[in-house]
């Protein structure tokens, strides 16, 4: 409780200090100067927040990207702008309409730009690592399988794609691009521990091809043939690609 009281007190002191600066600038300079100072203070607050968030135990920093500062700056500026409007009521000068329209417009533009940037960044990562694929798991063991996970791995970049046959929705719609290894993780019937078996996988049989251009037409979107795993009794797993039988895997902890 004492820590909370101290934290609230510190926030109040900071808020009052910033309000005093805004009032002085509004009283003795132009409103645009006060608004610009509010934006600068917002960035400083965001800079401190991101620096503390990415700080390492040895006192260094992980070097956050510039895009990480956008959202905290927008949040800080929105809060300080509300305070800016309240402080303006305590000064004789009246704010013109542009003093309201300009900040709100800038916040909206930056918020939309941030959203678009994040969507493009996520799509770029997805298209680089994954292809669209109907990846299905069919369980024909009547619940007697010890299989815990099925996964693909790209050993060149250590990226993995994992499926859980026992989950409520075991099927997914993505396939790991250039996967060169398939692995099965099962519960041992002897030690009740998980063990893993790894096998070579030839990604070329998935027949990767380009998709039709999407909203992000400049990105390389790909798709592959549908993949199906069929879990059989006696810890056997059949692999089908494009409806064709490819291989049967015998899972055995020995």
Protein backbone atom coordinates (compact mmCIF):
# COMPACT_ATOMS: atom_id res chain seq x y z
CA UNK A 1 0.00 0.00 0.00
CA UNK A 2 2.86 2.36 0.79
CA UNK A 3 4.44 1.71 -2.62
CA UNK A 4 1.13 2.46 -4.33
CA UNK A 5 0.78 5.75 -2.46
CA UNK A 6 4.31 6.76 -3.44
CA UNK A 7 3.66 5.84 -7.08
CA UNK A 8 0.43 7.88 -7.18
CA UNK A 9 2.22 10.80 -5.54
CA UNK A 10 4.99 10.68 -8.16
CA UNK A 11 2.42 10.63 -10.98
CA UNK A 12 0.64 13.64 -9.49
CA UNK A 13 3.90 15.56 -9.19
CA UNK A 14 4.75 14.79 -12.83
CA UNK A 15 1.23 15.78 -13.97
CA UNK A 16 1.37 19.06 -12.05
CA UNK A 17 4.87 19.81 -13.38
CA UNK A 18 3.76 19.23 -16.98
CA UNK A 19 0.58 21.27 -16.42
CA UNK A 20 2.65 24.19 -15.11
CA UNK A 21 4.87 24.06 -18.21
CA UNK A 22 1.81 23.99 -20.48
CA UNK A 23 0.21 26.90 -18.62
CA UNK A 24 3.36 29.03 -18.81
CA UNK A 25 3.76 28.38 -22.51
CA UNK A 26 0.10 29.10 -23.19
CA UNK A 27 0.23 32.27 -21.08
CA UNK A 28 3.44 33.79 -22.37
CA UNK A 29 4.01 32.22 -25.81
CA UNK A 30 1.92 30.94 -28.69
CA UNK A 31 -0.43 27.95 -28.40
CA UNK A 32 1.52 26.14 -31.12
CA UNK A 33 4.65 26.29 -28.94
CA UNK A 34 2.76 24.79 -26.02
CA UNK A 35 1.32 22.08 -28.28
CA UNK A 36 4.74 21.26 -29.73
CA UNK A 37 6.18 21.06 -26.21
CA UNK A 38 3.36 18.66 -25.27
CA UNK A 39 4.32 16.44 -28.19
CA UNK A 40 8.00 16.56 -27.20
CA UNK A 41 7.20 15.64 -23.59
CA UNK A 42 5.04 12.76 -24.85
CA UNK A 43 7.96 11.38 -26.85
CA UNK A 44 10.30 11.73 -23.87
CA UNK A 45 7.87 9.77 -21.70
CA UNK A 46 7.57 7.09 -24.39
CA UNK A 47 11.36 6.98 -24.77
CA UNK A 48 11.83 6.43 -21.03
CA UNK A 49 9.11 3.74 -20.99
CA UNK A 50 10.55 1.81 -23.95
CA UNK A 51 14.10 2.11 -22.61
CA UNK A 52 13.05 0.65 -19.25
CA UNK A 53 10.99 -2.06 -20.99
CA UNK A 54 13.95 -3.21 -23.08
CA UNK A 55 16.60 -2.73 -20.42
CA UNK A 56 18.83 -5.74 -19.66
CA UNK A 57 20.21 -6.76 -16.24
CA UNK A 58 23.65 -5.37 -17.05
CA UNK A 59 22.18 -1.94 -17.63
CA UNK A 60 22.21 -2.02 -21.42
CA UNK A 61 19.34 -2.04 -23.87
CA UNK A 62 18.17 -4.44 -26.56
CA UNK A 63 17.96 -1.63 -29.10
CA UNK A 64 14.20 -1.29 -29.80
CA UNK A 65 13.06 -0.33 -33.29
CA UNK A 66 11.73 3.16 -33.95
CA UNK A 67 8.23 1.75 -34.58
CA UNK A 68 8.01 0.66 -30.93
CA UNK A 69 7.90 4.29 -29.83
CA UNK A 70 4.79 5.15 -31.87
CA UNK A 71 2.06 3.59 -29.71
CA UNK A 72 3.43 4.80 -26.32
CA UNK A 73 3.91 8.28 -27.78
CA UNK A 74 0.33 8.36 -29.07
CA UNK A 75 -1.03 7.23 -25.71
CA UNK A 76 1.08 9.74 -23.78
CA UNK A 77 0.19 12.56 -26.17
CA UNK A 78 -3.55 11.77 -25.94
CA UNK A 79 -3.42 11.99 -22.14
CA UNK A 80 -1.29 15.13 -22.12
CA UNK A 81 -3.47 16.75 -24.80
CA UNK A 82 -6.52 16.31 -22.57
CA UNK A 83 -4.54 18.03 -19.81
CA UNK A 84 -3.53 20.68 -22.33
CA UNK A 85 -7.19 21.47 -23.02
CA UNK A 86 -7.98 21.70 -19.30
CA UNK A 87 -5.01 23.98 -18.69
CA UNK A 88 -6.10 26.20 -21.58
CA UNK A 89 -9.30 26.99 -19.67
CA UNK A 90 -7.19 28.63 -16.96
CA UNK A 91 -5.61 31.09 -19.37
CA UNK A 92 -7.25 34.17 -20.90
CA UNK A 93 -6.26 33.17 -24.43
CA UNK A 94 -8.78 31.11 -26.39
CA UNK A 95 -7.59 28.28 -28.56
CA UNK A 96 -8.49 28.40 -32.28
CA UNK A 97 -10.26 25.48 -33.93
CA UNK A 98 -7.04 24.32 -35.57
CA UNK A 99 -5.58 23.70 -32.10
CA UNK A 100 -8.21 20.97 -31.70
CA UNK A 101 -8.37 19.70 -35.26
CA UNK A 102 -4.61 19.42 -35.90
CA UNK A 103 -3.70 17.19 -32.91
CA UNK A 104 -6.73 14.94 -33.35
CA UNK A 105 -5.95 14.57 -37.05
CA UNK A 106 -2.29 13.78 -36.38
CA UNK A 107 -3.17 11.19 -33.74
CA UNK A 108 -5.66 9.53 -36.12
CA UNK A 109 -3.16 9.53 -39.00
CA UNK A 110 -0.37 8.06 -36.87
CA UNK A 111 -2.71 5.46 -35.34
CA UNK A 112 -3.92 4.33 -38.78
CA UNK A 113 -0.35 4.32 -40.12
CA UNK A 114 0.79 2.24 -37.17
CA UNK A 115 -2.00 -0.27 -37.77
CA UNK A 116 -1.19 -0.55 -41.49
CA UNK A 117 2.54 -0.89 -40.77
CA UNK A 118 1.89 -3.69 -38.26
CA UNK A 119 -0.36 -5.54 -40.69
CA UNK A 120 2.22 -5.32 -43.47
CA UNK A 121 5.00 -6.42 -41.13
CA UNK A 122 2.98 -9.43 -39.92
CA UNK A 123 2.05 -10.38 -43.48
CA UNK A 124 5.70 -10.12 -44.58
CA UNK A 125 6.83 -12.47 -41.83
CA UNK A 126 3.99 -14.90 -42.51
CA UNK A 127 4.56 -15.10 -46.27
CA UNK A 128 8.29 -15.50 -45.74
CA UNK A 129 7.94 -18.42 -43.32
CA UNK A 130 4.64 -20.10 -44.20
CA UNK A 131 2.52 -21.24 -47.12
CA UNK A 132 -1.24 -21.59 -47.07
CA UNK A 133 -2.19 -25.23 -46.64
CA UNK A 134 -5.08 -27.35 -45.43
CA UNK A 135 -3.22 -29.37 -42.78
CA UNK A 136 -5.45 -32.06 -41.29
CA UNK A 137 -5.11 -34.72 -38.59
CA UNK A 138 -7.45 -37.72 -38.56
CA UNK A 139 -7.45 -39.95 -35.49
CA UNK A 140 -8.43 -43.57 -36.17
CA UNK A 141 -7.02 -45.02 -32.95
CA UNK A 142 -10.18 -44.72 -30.86
CA UNK A 143 -8.26 -42.60 -28.38
CA UNK A 144 -5.45 -45.10 -27.76
CA UNK A 145 -2.61 -43.10 -29.34
CA UNK A 146 0.25 -41.79 -27.18
CA UNK A 147 1.11 -39.15 -29.78
CA UNK A 148 1.33 -35.71 -28.18
CA UNK A 149 2.60 -33.47 -31.00
CA UNK A 150 3.33 -33.53 -34.72
CA UNK A 151 5.65 -30.90 -36.09
CA UNK A 152 7.69 -29.64 -39.01
CA UNK A 153 11.04 -27.91 -38.70
CA UNK A 154 13.19 -25.80 -40.98
CA UNK A 155 16.68 -26.57 -39.69
CA UNK A 156 18.22 -23.62 -41.57
CA UNK A 157 16.38 -21.04 -39.44
CA UNK A 158 15.18 -23.29 -36.55
CA UNK A 159 11.54 -22.32 -37.11
CA UNK A 160 9.02 -25.02 -36.17
CA UNK A 161 5.33 -25.63 -36.80
CA UNK A 162 3.61 -27.75 -34.15
CA UNK A 163 0.20 -29.44 -34.15
CA UNK A 164 -1.51 -31.13 -31.23
CA UNK A 165 -3.61 -34.14 -32.30
CA UNK A 166 -5.49 -34.17 -29.00
CA UNK A 167 -6.59 -30.53 -29.12
CA UNK A 168 -10.18 -29.59 -29.92
CA UNK A 169 -9.07 -28.05 -33.23
CA UNK A 170 -5.98 -29.99 -34.39
CA UNK A 171 -6.18 -28.75 -37.99
CA UNK A 172 -4.42 -25.59 -39.15
CA UNK A 173 -4.23 -23.65 -42.41
CA UNK A 174 -0.48 -23.07 -42.73
CA UNK A 175 2.58 -25.09 -43.66
CA UNK A 176 6.18 -24.25 -42.78
CA UNK A 177 8.07 -23.29 -45.93
CA UNK A 178 11.21 -25.27 -46.81
CA UNK A 179 10.62 -27.65 -43.90
CA UNK A 180 13.24 -30.41 -44.05
CA UNK A 181 12.36 -32.33 -40.92
CA UNK A 182 9.23 -33.87 -39.47
CA UNK A 183 9.06 -34.89 -35.82
CA UNK A 184 6.68 -36.71 -33.52
CA UNK A 185 6.57 -36.21 -29.76
CA UNK A 186 4.89 -39.01 -27.83
CA UNK A 187 4.24 -40.05 -24.27
CA UNK A 188 6.36 -43.02 -23.26
CA UNK A 189 4.34 -45.99 -22.07
CA UNK A 190 7.30 -47.05 -19.91
CA UNK A 191 8.56 -43.89 -18.22
CA UNK A 192 5.52 -41.60 -18.71
CA UNK A 193 7.84 -39.01 -20.24
CA UNK A 194 7.86 -37.39 -23.66
CA UNK A 195 10.24 -38.68 -26.30
CA UNK A 196 10.82 -37.30 -29.79
CA UNK A 197 11.47 -39.02 -33.12
CA UNK A 198 12.74 -37.04 -36.09
CA UNK A 199 12.60 -37.93 -39.79
CA UNK A 200 13.80 -36.28 -42.97
CA UNK A 201 11.11 -34.47 -44.95
CA UNK A 202 11.19 -33.46 -48.61
CA UNK A 203 9.34 -30.14 -48.93
CA UNK A 204 9.39 -30.27 -52.73
CA UNK A 205 6.64 -32.92 -52.78
CA UNK A 206 4.27 -30.30 -51.33
CA UNK A 207 4.34 -28.57 -54.75
CA UNK A 208 4.65 -24.97 -53.62
CA UNK A 209 3.20 -22.42 -56.01
CA UNK A 210 2.39 -18.74 -55.96
CA UNK A 211 -1.06 -17.59 -54.95
CA UNK A 212 -3.07 -14.91 -56.68
CA UNK A 213 -2.09 -11.40 -55.55
CA UNK A 214 -3.69 -10.35 -52.28
CA UNK A 215 -4.15 -6.92 -50.70
CA UNK A 216 -0.36 -6.86 -50.20
CA UNK A 217 0.30 -7.58 -53.87
CA UNK A 218 4.04 -6.91 -53.63
CA UNK A 219 4.56 -9.80 -51.19
CA UNK A 220 5.18 -13.38 -52.32
CA UNK A 221 2.21 -15.43 -51.11
CA UNK A 222 2.44 -19.18 -51.66
CA UNK A 223 0.31 -22.28 -51.18
CA UNK A 224 0.99 -26.02 -51.12
CA UNK A 225 -1.00 -29.23 -51.55
CA UNK A 226 -3.23 -30.30 -48.65
CA UNK A 227 -1.48 -32.46 -46.04
CA UNK A 228 -3.19 -35.11 -43.93
CA UNK A 229 -1.93 -37.23 -41.05
CA UNK A 230 -3.87 -40.36 -40.18
CA UNK A 231 -3.21 -41.77 -36.70
CA UNK A 232 -3.45 -45.57 -36.70
CA UNK A 233 -3.35 -48.23 -33.95
CA UNK A 234 0.04 -49.55 -32.75
CA UNK A 235 1.57 -46.04 -32.89
CA UNK A 236 1.59 -45.77 -36.67
CA UNK A 237 1.05 -42.55 -38.60
CA UNK A 238 0.27 -42.30 -42.32
CA UNK A 239 1.18 -39.17 -44.26
CA UNK A 240 -0.85 -38.06 -47.28
CA UNK A 241 0.00 -35.08 -49.48
CA UNK A 242 -2.42 -33.97 -52.15
CA UNK A 243 -4.53 -37.03 -51.47
CA UNK A 244 -1.64 -39.39 -52.23
CA UNK A 245 -0.10 -41.75 -49.69
CA UNK A 246 3.52 -40.72 -49.04
CA UNK A 247 4.87 -42.64 -46.08
CA UNK A 248 3.99 -44.53 -42.92
CA UNK A 249 5.86 -43.69 -39.70
CA UNK A 250 6.26 -46.27 -36.95
CA UNK A 251 6.66 -44.49 -33.60
CA UNK A 252 8.84 -46.49 -31.26
CA UNK A 253 10.81 -45.07 -28.33
CA UNK A 254 13.58 -47.63 -28.85
